[in-house]
Amino acid sequence: MIITRPLTPEQRKLLDDKSKPAQEDILAAQDALFMNLLTRVADLESSVPTAVPSPPINPDEEVTKS
C-alpha cells in the first residue's frame, strides 16, 4: 500500500494492534474482492472463443492469388 498523505486518526485506529477485529474485517473484505475478481476473470476466459488452428501448409501446392 502506498500512503501519499498522513493517516487520519480513524485510519491509525484501524491499523493499531488493539483493533484486530477491524483488521480482520478489512482482510476479509480484501479476500472477498480478490475472489470476486478471480471469478470474473475465469468467466471472461471461458467466454473467449478458442483459436481454431489453421490447416497445415502444403509446400508442393501452388498458391493462387485472387
Protein backbone atom coordinates (compact mmCIF):
# COMPACT_ATOMS: atom_id res chain seq x y z
CA MET A 1 0.00 0.00 0.00
CA ILE A 2 1.32 3.43 -0.92
CA ILE A 3 0.37 6.17 1.50
CA THR A 4 0.54 9.61 -0.08
CA ARG A 5 -0.69 11.62 2.91
CA PRO A 6 -0.63 11.28 6.70
CA LEU A 7 -3.10 8.83 8.21
CA THR A 8 -6.25 10.15 9.79
CA PRO A 9 -6.94 9.20 13.41
CA GLU A 10 -9.57 6.73 12.18
CA GLN A 11 -7.05 5.09 9.84
CA ARG A 12 -4.47 4.93 12.64
CA LYS A 13 -7.06 3.22 14.84
CA LEU A 14 -7.74 0.63 12.12
CA LEU A 15 -4.04 -0.11 11.81
CA ASP A 16 -3.48 -0.24 15.56
CA ASP A 17 -2.77 -3.65 17.07
CA LYS A 18 -5.61 -3.15 19.55
CA SER A 19 -8.19 -3.15 16.76
CA LYS A 20 -7.68 -6.70 15.47
CA PRO A 21 -11.38 -7.17 14.59
CA ALA A 22 -11.22 -4.15 12.26
CA GLN A 23 -8.08 -5.54 10.60
CA GLU A 24 -9.76 -8.91 10.20
CA ASP A 25 -12.78 -7.22 8.63
CA ILE A 26 -10.53 -5.37 6.19
CA LEU A 27 -8.66 -8.58 5.30
CA ALA A 28 -11.93 -10.45 4.85
CA ALA A 29 -13.22 -7.71 2.55
CA GLN A 30 -9.98 -7.78 0.54
CA ASP A 31 -10.22 -11.57 0.22
CA ALA A 32 -13.83 -11.31 -0.95
CA LEU A 33 -12.93 -8.68 -3.55
CA PHE A 34 -9.99 -10.75 -4.77
CA MET A 35 -12.12 -13.90 -5.08
CA ASN A 36 -14.76 -11.88 -6.96
CA LEU A 37 -12.06 -10.63 -9.32
CA LEU A 38 -10.75 -14.17 -9.89
CA THR A 39 -14.29 -15.37 -10.62
CA ARG A 40 -14.84 -12.59 -13.14
CA VAL A 41 -11.52 -13.32 -14.86
CA ALA A 42 -12.39 -17.01 -15.06
CA ASP A 43 -15.79 -16.12 -16.54
CA LEU A 44 -14.14 -13.88 -19.12
CA GLU A 45 -11.58 -16.52 -20.02
CA SER A 46 -14.29 -19.12 -20.52
CA SER A 47 -16.30 -16.78 -22.78
CA VAL A 48 -13.38 -16.07 -25.14
CA PRO A 49 -13.57 -18.33 -28.18
CA THR A 50 -10.58 -20.57 -28.61
CA ALA A 51 -8.48 -20.17 -31.72
CA VAL A 52 -9.01 -22.74 -34.43
CA PRO A 53 -5.68 -23.96 -35.80
CA SER A 54 -5.20 -23.36 -39.48
CA PRO A 55 -4.66 -26.35 -41.74
CA PRO A 56 -1.04 -27.24 -42.44
CA ILE A 57 0.51 -25.58 -45.46
CA ASN A 58 1.48 -27.93 -48.26
CA PRO A 59 4.74 -26.60 -49.76
CA ASP A 60 4.17 -28.54 -53.02
CA GLU A 61 0.88 -26.77 -53.69
CA GLU A 62 0.96 -23.54 -55.71
CA VAL A 63 -0.59 -20.54 -54.02
CA THR A 64 -3.01 -18.70 -56.27
CA LYS A 65 -3.80 -15.07 -55.60
CA SER A 66 -7.27 -13.81 -56.40
